[in-house]
PDB file of N, CA and C in Angstrom:
ATOM      1  N   MET A   1     134.131  96.358 136.696  1.00  0.00           N
ATOM      2  CA  MET A   1     134.686  95.243 135.975  1.00  0.00           C
ATOM      3  C   MET A   1     135.210  95.757 134.642  1.00  0.00           C
ATOM      4  N   PHE A   2     136.470  95.544 134.425  1.00  0.00           N
ATOM      5  CA  PHE A   2     137.106  96.010 133.207  1.00  0.00           C
ATOM      6  C   PHE A   2     137.074  94.925 132.147  1.00  0.00           C
ATOM      7  N   LEU A   3     136.842  95.363 130.904  1.00  0.00           N
ATOM      8  CA  LEU A   3     136.846  94.414 129.797  1.00  0.00           C
ATOM      9  C   LEU A   3     138.266  94.207 129.318  1.00  0.00           C
ATOM     10  N   THR A   4     138.624  92.990 129.172  1.00  0.00           N
ATOM     11  CA  THR A   4     139.947  92.687 128.662  1.00  0.00           C
ATOM     12  C   THR A   4     139.892  92.661 127.148  1.00  0.00           C
ATOM     13  N   LYS A   5     141.041  92.579 126.550  1.00  0.00           N
ATOM     14  CA  LYS A   5     141.126  92.532 125.095  1.00  0.00           C
ATOM     15  C   LYS A   5     140.386  91.312 124.559  1.00  0.00           C
ATOM     16  N   GLN A   6     140.433  90.222 125.274  1.00  0.00           N
ATOM     17  CA  GLN A   6     139.765  89.002 124.853  1.00  0.00           C
ATOM     18  C   GLN A   6     138.242  89.202 124.874  1.00  0.00           C
ATOM     19  N   HIS A   7     137.740  89.889 125.890  1.00  0.00           N
ATOM     20  CA  HIS A   7     136.305  90.171 125.963  1.00  0.00           C
ATOM     21  C   HIS A   7     135.862  91.078 124.819  1.00  0.00           C
ATOM     22  N   MET A   8     136.681  92.051 124.481  1.00  0.00           N
ATOM     23  CA  MET A   8     136.358  92.969 123.389  1.00  0.00           C
ATOM     24  C   MET A   8     136.277  92.220 122.059  1.00  0.00           C
ATOM     25  N   VAL A   9     137.209  91.301 121.841  1.00  0.00           N
ATOM     26  CA  VAL A   9     137.207  90.508 120.606  1.00  0.00           C
ATOM     27  C   VAL A   9     135.959  89.644 120.557  1.00  0.00           C
ATOM     28  N   LEU A  10     135.619  89.036 121.691  1.00  0.00           N
ATOM     29  CA  LEU A  10     134.429  88.186 121.751  1.00  0.00           C
ATOM     30  C   LEU A  10     133.164  89.018 121.506  1.00  0.00           C
ATOM     31  N   ALA A  11     133.082  90.195 122.108  1.00  0.00           N
ATOM     32  CA  ALA A  11     131.923  91.067 121.927  1.00  0.00           C
ATOM     33  C   ALA A  11     131.811  91.515 120.474  1.00  0.00           C
ATOM     34  N   ARG A  12     132.924  91.861 119.866  1.00  0.00           N
ATOM     35  CA  ARG A  12     132.932  92.282 118.466  1.00  0.00           C
ATOM     36  C   ARG A  12     132.487  91.133 117.561  1.00  0.00           C
ATOM     37  N   THR A  13     132.989  89.935 117.831  1.00  0.00           N
ATOM     38  CA  THR A  13     132.629  88.756 117.037  1.00  0.00           C
ATOM     39  C   THR A  13     131.131  88.463 117.150  1.00  0.00           C
ATOM     40  N   LEU A  14     130.616  88.540 118.374  1.00  0.00           N
ATOM     41  CA  LEU A  14     129.185  88.314 118.565  1.00  0.00           C
ATOM     42  C   LEU A  14     128.357  89.390 117.859  1.00  0.00           C
ATOM     43  N   GLY A  15     128.824  90.625 117.913  1.00  0.00           N
ATOM     44  CA  GLY A  15     128.116  91.716 117.233  1.00  0.00           C
ATOM     45  C   GLY A  15     128.060  91.493 115.731  1.00  0.00           C
ATOM     46  N   VAL A  16     129.180  91.098 115.154  1.00  0.00           N
ATOM     47  CA  VAL A  16     129.224  90.827 113.711  1.00  0.00           C
ATOM     48  C   VAL A  16     128.314  89.658 113.375  1.00  0.00           C
ATOM     49  N   ALA A  17     128.308  88.632 114.217  1.00  0.00           N
ATOM     50  CA  ALA A  17     127.455  87.462 113.972  1.00  0.00           C
ATOM     51  C   ALA A  17     125.977  87.853 114.021  1.00  0.00           C
ATOM     52  N   ILE A  18     125.606  88.680 114.968  1.00  0.00           N
ATOM     53  CA  ILE A  18     124.209  89.126 115.085  1.00  0.00           C
ATOM     54  C   ILE A  18     123.805  89.929 113.861  1.00  0.00           C
ATOM     55  N   VAL A  19     124.664  90.832 113.432  1.00  0.00           N
ATOM     56  CA  VAL A  19     124.368  91.631 112.238  1.00  0.00           C
ATOM     57  C   VAL A  19     124.247  90.732 111.014  1.00  0.00           C
ATOM     58  N   ALA A  20     125.149  89.764 110.871  1.00  0.00           N
ATOM     59  CA  ALA A  20     125.110  88.854 109.732  1.00  0.00           C
ATOM     60  C   ALA A  20     123.834  88.036 109.729  1.00  0.00           C
ATOM     61  N   LEU A  21     123.415  87.538 110.900  1.00  0.00           N
ATOM     62  CA  LEU A  21     122.170  86.771 110.984  1.00  0.00           C
ATOM     63  C   LEU A  21     120.956  87.645 110.673  1.00  0.00           C
ATOM     64  N   SER A  22     120.997  88.881 111.115  1.00  0.00           N
ATOM     65  CA  SER A  22     119.892  89.797 110.825  1.00  0.00           C
ATOM     66  C   SER A  22     119.764  90.038 109.328  1.00  0.00           C
ATOM     67  N   LEU A  23     120.888  90.243 108.667  1.00  0.00           N
ATOM     68  CA  LEU A  23     120.867  90.471 107.218  1.00  0.00           C
ATOM     69  C   LEU A  23     120.399  89.220 106.482  1.00  0.00           C
ATOM     70  N   ALA A  24     120.810  88.061 106.950  1.00  0.00           N
ATOM     71  CA  ALA A  24     120.371  86.804 106.321  1.00  0.00           C
ATOM     72  C   ALA A  24     118.864  86.642 106.486  1.00  0.00           C
ATOM     73  N   ALA A  25     118.346  86.995 107.650  1.00  0.00           N
ATOM     74  CA  ALA A  25     116.900  86.898 107.881  1.00  0.00           C
ATOM     75  C   ALA A  25     116.159  87.852 106.954  1.00  0.00           C
ATOM     76  N   CYS A  26     116.686  89.049 106.727  1.00  0.00           N
ATOM     77  CA  CYS A  26     116.050  90.001 105.815  1.00  0.00           C
ATOM     78  C   CYS A  26     116.004  89.446 104.395  1.00  0.00           C
ATOM     79  N   ALA A  27     117.067  88.805 103.977  1.00  0.00           N
ATOM     80  CA  ALA A  27     117.099  88.229 102.630  1.00  0.00           C
ATOM     81  C   ALA A  27     116.039  87.138 102.498  1.00  0.00           C
ATOM     82  N   THR A  28     115.869  86.345 103.554  1.00  0.00           N
ATOM     83  CA  THR A  28     114.839  85.307 103.536  1.00  0.00           C
ATOM     84  C   THR A  28     113.470  85.934 103.425  1.00  0.00           C
ATOM     85  N   TYR A  29     113.220  86.983 104.179  1.00  0.00           N
ATOM     86  CA  TYR A  29     111.929  87.661 104.097  1.00  0.00           C
ATOM     87  C   TYR A  29     111.724  88.297 102.731  1.00  0.00           C
ATOM     88  N   ASP A  30     112.780  88.814 102.138  1.00  0.00           N
ATOM     89  CA  ASP A  30     112.658  89.390 100.798  1.00  0.00           C
ATOM     90  C   ASP A  30     112.189  88.338  99.801  1.00  0.00           C
ATOM     91  N   ASP A  31     112.722  87.128  99.911  1.00  0.00           N
ATOM     92  CA  ASP A  31     112.286  86.045  99.027  1.00  0.00           C
ATOM     93  C   ASP A  31     110.819  85.711  99.267  1.00  0.00           C
ATOM     94  N   GLU A  32     110.428  85.662 100.546  1.00  0.00           N
ATOM     95  CA  GLU A  32     109.033  85.359 100.864  1.00  0.00           C
ATOM     96  C   GLU A  32     108.109  86.458 100.356  1.00  0.00           C
ATOM     97  N   PHE A  33     108.517  87.713 100.537  1.00  0.00           N
ATOM     98  CA  PHE A  33     107.699  88.820 100.047  1.00  0.00           C
ATOM     99  C   PHE A  33     107.588  88.792  98.531  1.00  0.00           C
ATOM    100  N   ALA A  34     108.669  88.431  97.863  1.00  0.00           N
ATOM    101  CA  ALA A  34     108.627  88.340  96.405  1.00  0.00           C
ATOM    102  C   ALA A  34     107.646  87.258  95.965  1.00  0.00           C
ATOM    103  N   GLY A  35     107.639  86.132  96.662  1.00  0.00           N
ATOM    104  CA  GLY A  35     106.684  85.064  96.340  1.00  0.00           C
ATOM    105  C   GLY A  35     105.250  85.495  96.589  1.00  0.00           C
ATOM    106  N   ILE A  36     105.029  86.169  97.705  1.00  0.00           N
ATOM    107  CA  ILE A  36     103.683  86.657  98.025  1.00  0.00           C
ATOM    108  C   ILE A  36     103.242  87.686  96.991  1.00  0.00           C
ATOM    109  N   ASN A  37     104.133  88.604  96.631  1.00  0.00           N
ATOM    110  CA  ASN A  37     103.789  89.612  95.623  1.00  0.00           C
ATOM    111  C   ASN A  37     103.466  88.973  94.284  1.00  0.00           C
ATOM    112  N   SER A  38     104.189  87.927  93.941  1.00  0.00           N
ATOM    113  CA  SER A  38     103.910  87.218  92.688  1.00  0.00           C
ATOM    114  C   SER A  38     102.511  86.612  92.712  1.00  0.00           C
ATOM    115  N   ARG A  39     102.169  85.979  93.830  1.00  0.00           N
ATOM    116  CA  ARG A  39     100.826  85.390  93.949  1.00  0.00           C
ATOM    117  C   ARG A  39      99.748  86.470  93.919  1.00  0.00           C
ATOM    118  N   LEU A  40     100.011  87.593  94.574  1.00  0.00           N
ATOM    119  CA  LEU A  40      99.043  88.693  94.553  1.00  0.00           C
ATOM    120  C   LEU A  40      98.855  89.234  93.137  1.00  0.00           C
ATOM    121  N   ASP A  41      99.940  89.320  92.381  1.00  0.00           N
ATOM    122  CA  ASP A  41      99.838  89.774  90.988  1.00  0.00           C
ATOM    123  C   ASP A  41      98.994  88.805  90.160  1.00  0.00           C
ATOM    124  N   GLN A  42      99.167  87.513  90.393  1.00  0.00           N
ATOM    125  CA  GLN A  42      98.372  86.520  89.665  1.00  0.00           C
ATOM    126  C   GLN A  42      96.898  86.641  90.030  1.00  0.00           C
ATOM    127  N   LEU A  43      96.628  86.812  91.321  1.00  0.00           N
ATOM    128  CA  LEU A  43      95.242  86.971  91.749  1.00  0.00           C
ATOM    129  C   LEU A  43      94.631  88.247  91.176  1.00  0.00           C
ATOM    130  N   ASP A  44      95.409  89.301  91.136  1.00  0.00           N
ATOM    131  CA  ASP A  44      94.934  90.567  90.585  1.00  0.00           C
ATOM    132  C   ASP A  44      94.570  90.402  89.113  1.00  0.00           C
ATOM    133  N   ALA A  45      95.393  89.683  88.377  1.00  0.00           N
ATOM    134  CA  ALA A  45      95.100  89.440  86.956  1.00  0.00           C
ATOM    135  C   ALA A  45      93.813  88.634  86.802  1.00  0.00           C
ATOM    136  N   LYS A  46      93.618  87.628  87.672  1.00  0.00           N
ATOM    137  CA  LYS A  46      92.393  86.831  87.606  1.00  0.00           C
ATOM    138  C   LYS A  46      91.169  87.684  87.933  1.00  0.00           C
ATOM    139  N   VAL A  47      91.295  88.537  88.935  1.00  0.00           N
ATOM    140  CA  VAL A  47      90.178  89.401  89.319  1.00  0.00           C
ATOM    141  C   VAL A  47      89.832  90.361  88.191  1.00  0.00           C
ATOM    142  N   GLN A  48      90.847  90.925  87.547  1.00  0.00           N
ATOM    143  CA  GLN A  48      90.588  91.833  86.430  1.00  0.00           C
ATOM    144  C   GLN A  48      89.918  91.098  85.282  1.00  0.00           C
ATOM    145  N   GLY A  49      90.350  89.867  85.013  1.00  0.00           N
ATOM    146  CA  GLY A  49      89.713  89.068  83.965  1.00  0.00           C
ATOM    147  C   GLY A  49      88.261  88.773  84.303  1.00  0.00           C
ATOM    148  N   ALA A  50      87.996  88.438  85.559  1.00  0.00           N
ATOM    149  CA  ALA A  50      86.623  88.161  85.987  1.00  0.00           C
ATOM    150  C   ALA A  50      85.767  89.420  85.898  1.00  0.00           C
ATOM    151  N   ALA A  51      86.342  90.566  86.244  1.00  0.00           N
ATOM    152  CA  ALA A  51      85.596  91.825  86.160  1.00  0.00           C
ATOM    153  C   ALA A  51      85.251  92.151  84.705  1.00  0.00           C
ATOM    154  N   GLN A  52      86.181  91.906  83.799  1.00  0.00           N
ATOM    155  CA  GLN A  52      85.908  92.148  82.380  1.00  0.00           C
ATOM    156  C   GLN A  52      84.825  91.204  81.871  1.00  0.00           C
ATOM    157  N   SER A  53      84.874  89.944  82.289  1.00  0.00           N
ATOM    158  CA  SER A  53      83.846  88.989  81.881  1.00  0.00           C
ATOM    159  C   SER A  53      82.485  89.401  82.429  1.00  0.00           C
ATOM    160  N   ALA A  54      82.454  89.849  83.663  1.00  0.00           N
ATOM    161  CA  ALA A  54      81.198  90.288  84.265  1.00  0.00           C
ATOM    162  C   ALA A  54      80.647  91.513  83.537  1.00  0.00           C
ATOM    163  N   GLU A  55      81.514  92.428  83.178  1.00  0.00           N
ATOM    164  CA  GLU A  55      81.078  93.622  82.448  1.00  0.00           C
ATOM    165  C   GLU A  55      80.512  93.240  81.087  1.00  0.00           C
ATOM    166  N   SER A  56      81.161  92.306  80.406  1.00  0.00           N
ATOM    167  CA  SER A  56      80.686  91.844  79.109  1.00  0.00           C
ATOM    168  C   SER A  56      79.321  91.163  79.247  1.00  0.00           C
ATOM    169  N   ALA A  57      79.175  90.336  80.273  1.00  0.00           N
ATOM    170  CA  ALA A  57      77.894  89.663  80.505  1.00  0.00           C
ATOM    171  C   ALA A  57      76.804  90.675  80.832  1.00  0.00           C
ATOM    172  N   ASN A  58      77.148  91.697  81.581  1.00  0.00           N
ATOM    173  CA  ASN A  58      76.188  92.743  81.929  1.00  0.00           C
ATOM    174  C   ASN A  58      75.715  93.478  80.669  1.00  0.00           C
ATOM    175  N   GLN A  59      76.646  93.800  79.787  1.00  0.00           N
ATOM    176  CA  GLN A  59      76.270  94.476  78.546  1.00  0.00           C
ATOM    177  C   GLN A  59      75.370  93.599  77.685  1.00  0.00           C
ATOM    178  N   SER A  60      75.678  92.311  77.610  1.00  0.00           N
ATOM    179  CA  SER A  60      74.845  91.382  76.841  1.00  0.00           C
ATOM    180  C   SER A  60      73.448  91.296  77.433  1.00  0.00           C
ATOM    181  N   ALA A  61      73.371  91.261  78.746  1.00  0.00           N
ATOM    182  CA  ALA A  61      72.061  91.193  79.408  1.00  0.00           C
ATOM    183  C   ALA A  61      71.258  92.470  79.144  1.00  0.00           C
ATOM    184  N   GLN A  62      71.921  93.609  79.167  1.00  0.00           N
ATOM    185  CA  GLN A  62      71.210  94.866  78.883  1.00  0.00           C
ATOM    186  C   GLN A  62      70.683  94.889  77.454  1.00  0.00           C
ATOM    187  N   GLN A  63      71.477  94.406  76.507  1.00  0.00           N
ATOM    188  CA  GLN A  63      71.019  94.356  75.119  1.00  0.00           C
ATOM    189  C   GLN A  63      69.844  93.405  74.972  1.00  0.00           C
ATOM    190  N   ALA A  64      69.904  92.261  75.656  1.00  0.00           N
ATOM    191  CA  ALA A  64      68.798  91.298  75.596  1.00  0.00           C
ATOM    192  C   ALA A  64      67.531  91.907  76.194  1.00  0.00           C
ATOM    193  N   ASN A  65      67.673  92.650  77.286  1.00  0.00           N
ATOM    194  CA  ASN A  65      66.516  93.309  77.890  1.00  0.00           C
ATOM    195  C   ASN A  65      65.915  94.352  76.951  1.00  0.00           C
ATOM    196  N   GLN A  66      66.764  95.094  76.238  1.00  0.00           N
ATOM    197  CA  GLN A  66      66.261  96.078  75.278  1.00  0.00           C
ATOM    198  C   GLN A  66      65.479  95.391  74.163  1.00  0.00           C
ATOM    199  N   ARG A  67      66.002  94.266  73.667  1.00  0.00           N
ATOM    200  CA  ARG A  67      65.287  93.527  72.614  1.00  0.00           C
ATOM    201  C   ARG A  67      63.949  93.006  73.124  1.00  0.00           C
ATOM    202  N   LEU A  68      63.931  92.510  74.362  1.00  0.00           N
ATOM    203  CA  LEU A  68      62.672  92.032  74.946  1.00  0.00           C
ATOM    204  C   LEU A  68      61.661  93.170  75.093  1.00  0.00           C
ATOM    205  N   ASP A  69      62.135  94.336  75.505  1.00  0.00           N
ATOM    206  CA  ASP A  69      61.239  95.492  75.622  1.00  0.00           C
ATOM    207  C   ASP A  69      60.643  95.856  74.270  1.00  0.00           C
ATOM    208  N   GLN A  70      61.461  95.819  73.215  1.00  0.00           N
ATOM    209  CA  GLN A  70      60.954  96.116  71.874  1.00  0.00           C
ATOM    210  C   GLN A  70      59.923  95.077  71.450  1.00  0.00           C
ATOM    211  N   MET A  71      60.187  93.821  71.713  1.00  0.00           N
ATOM    212  CA  MET A  71      59.251  92.760  71.337  1.00  0.00           C
ATOM    213  C   MET A  71      57.955  92.861  72.132  1.00  0.00           C
ATOM    214  N   GLU A  72      58.037  93.295  73.378  1.00  0.00           N
ATOM    215  CA  GLU A  72      56.835  93.409  74.214  1.00  0.00           C
ATOM    216  C   GLU A  72      55.827  94.373  73.595  1.00  0.00           C
ATOM    217  N   GLY A  73      56.329  95.480  73.061  1.00  0.00           N
ATOM    218  CA  GLY A  73      55.422  96.441  72.397  1.00  0.00           C
ATOM    219  C   GLY A  73      54.744  95.831  71.190  1.00  0.00           C
ATOM    220  N   ARG A  74      55.485  95.096  70.392  1.00  0.00           N
ATOM    221  CA  ARG A  74      54.893  94.452  69.214  1.00  0.00           C
ATOM    222  C   ARG A  74      53.865  93.398  69.607  1.00  0.00           C
ATOM    223  N   ILE A  75      54.169  92.628  70.638  1.00  0.00           N
ATOM    224  CA  ILE A  75      53.252  91.582  71.094  1.00  0.00           C
ATOM    225  C   ILE A  75      51.945  92.202  71.583  1.00  0.00           C
ATOM    226  N   GLN A  76      52.036  93.293  72.321  1.00  0.00           N
ATOM    227  CA  GLN A  76      50.829  93.959  72.811  1.00  0.00           C
ATOM    228  C   GLN A  76      49.987  94.480  71.649  1.00  0.00           C
ATOM    229  N   GLN A  77      50.628  94.992  70.605  1.00  0.00           N
ATOM    230  CA  GLN A  77      49.880  95.454  69.424  1.00  0.00           C
ATOM    231  C   GLN A  77      49.159  94.288  68.766  1.00  0.00           C
ATOM    232  N   LEU A  78      49.833  93.161  68.619  1.00  0.00           N
ATOM    233  CA  LEU A  78      49.201  91.992  67.995  1.00  0.00           C
ATOM    234  C   LEU A  78      48.046  91.459  68.832  1.00  0.00           C
ATOM    235  N   GLU A  79      48.214  91.464  70.139  1.00  0.00           N
ATOM    236  CA  GLU A  79      47.140  90.976  71.000  1.00  0.00           C
ATOM    237  C   GLU A  79      45.946  91.910  70.999  1.00  0.00           C
ATOM    238  N   ALA A  80      46.210  93.206  70.832  1.00  0.00           N
ATOM    239  CA  ALA A  80      45.125  94.184  70.844  1.00  0.00           C
ATOM    240  C   ALA A  80      44.417  94.287  69.498  1.00  0.00           C
ATOM    241  N   ALA A  81      44.982  93.780  68.438  1.00  0.00           N
ATOM    242  CA  ALA A  81      44.370  93.870  67.100  1.00  0.00           C
ATOM    243  C   ALA A  81      43.083  93.051  67.079  1.00  0.00           C
ATOM    244  N   PRO A  82      42.104  93.506  66.302  1.00  0.00           N
ATOM    245  CA  PRO A  82      40.841  92.747  66.224  1.00  0.00           C
ATOM    246  C   PRO A  82      41.081  91.388  65.591  1.00  0.00           C
ATOM    247  N   ALA A  83      40.273  90.448  66.008  1.00  0.00           N
ATOM    248  CA  ALA A  83      40.386  89.099  65.487  1.00  0.00           C
ATOM    249  C   ALA A  83      40.020  89.084  64.007  1.00  0.00           C
ATOM    250  N   ARG A  84      40.708  88.362  63.206  1.00  0.00           N
ATOM    251  CA  ARG A  84      40.437  88.265  61.772  1.00  0.00           C
ATOM    252  C   ARG A  84      39.486  87.111  61.509  1.00  0.00           C
ATOM    253  N   LYS A  85      38.695  87.337  60.505  1.00  0.00           N
ATOM    254  CA  LYS A  85      37.805  86.254  60.089  1.00  0.00           C
ATOM    255  C   LYS A  85      38.560  85.419  59.081  1.00  0.00           C
ATOM    256  N   PRO A  86      38.445  84.124  59.161  1.00  0.00           N
ATOM    257  CA  PRO A  86      39.135  83.296  58.169  1.00  0.00           C
ATOM    258  C   PRO A  86      38.536  83.482  56.792  1.00  0.00           C
ATOM    259  N   ARG A  87      39.382  83.415  55.799  1.00  0.00           N
ATOM    260  CA  ARG A  87      38.927  83.519  54.407  1.00  0.00           C
ATOM    261  C   ARG A  87      38.388  82.178  53.962  1.00  0.00           C
ATOM    262  N   GLY A  88      37.440  82.258  53.177  1.00  0.00           N
ATOM    263  CA  GLY A  88      37.038  81.038  52.517  1.00  0.00           C
ATOM    264  C   GLY A  88      35.762  80.522  52.833  1.00  0.00           C
TER     265      GLY A  88
END
């Protein structure tokens, strides 16, 4: 079966249409990927902020524990001291 000139024109037109639709679909996906990347960037910023807050809270807790440890030694000394007789 031989292709006529009309068939060649039709095949070429369909080929161009397919390529054009493919490129349009890629542009649509590019927009979707850009939106997804934007949301991921926002989530990443929130996660980094939460990690910094957690680190700050951890440091505060460690300092509080150190102060409690220091106070524990003083409390034990006071409890171990002999009882005082009241004056008077």
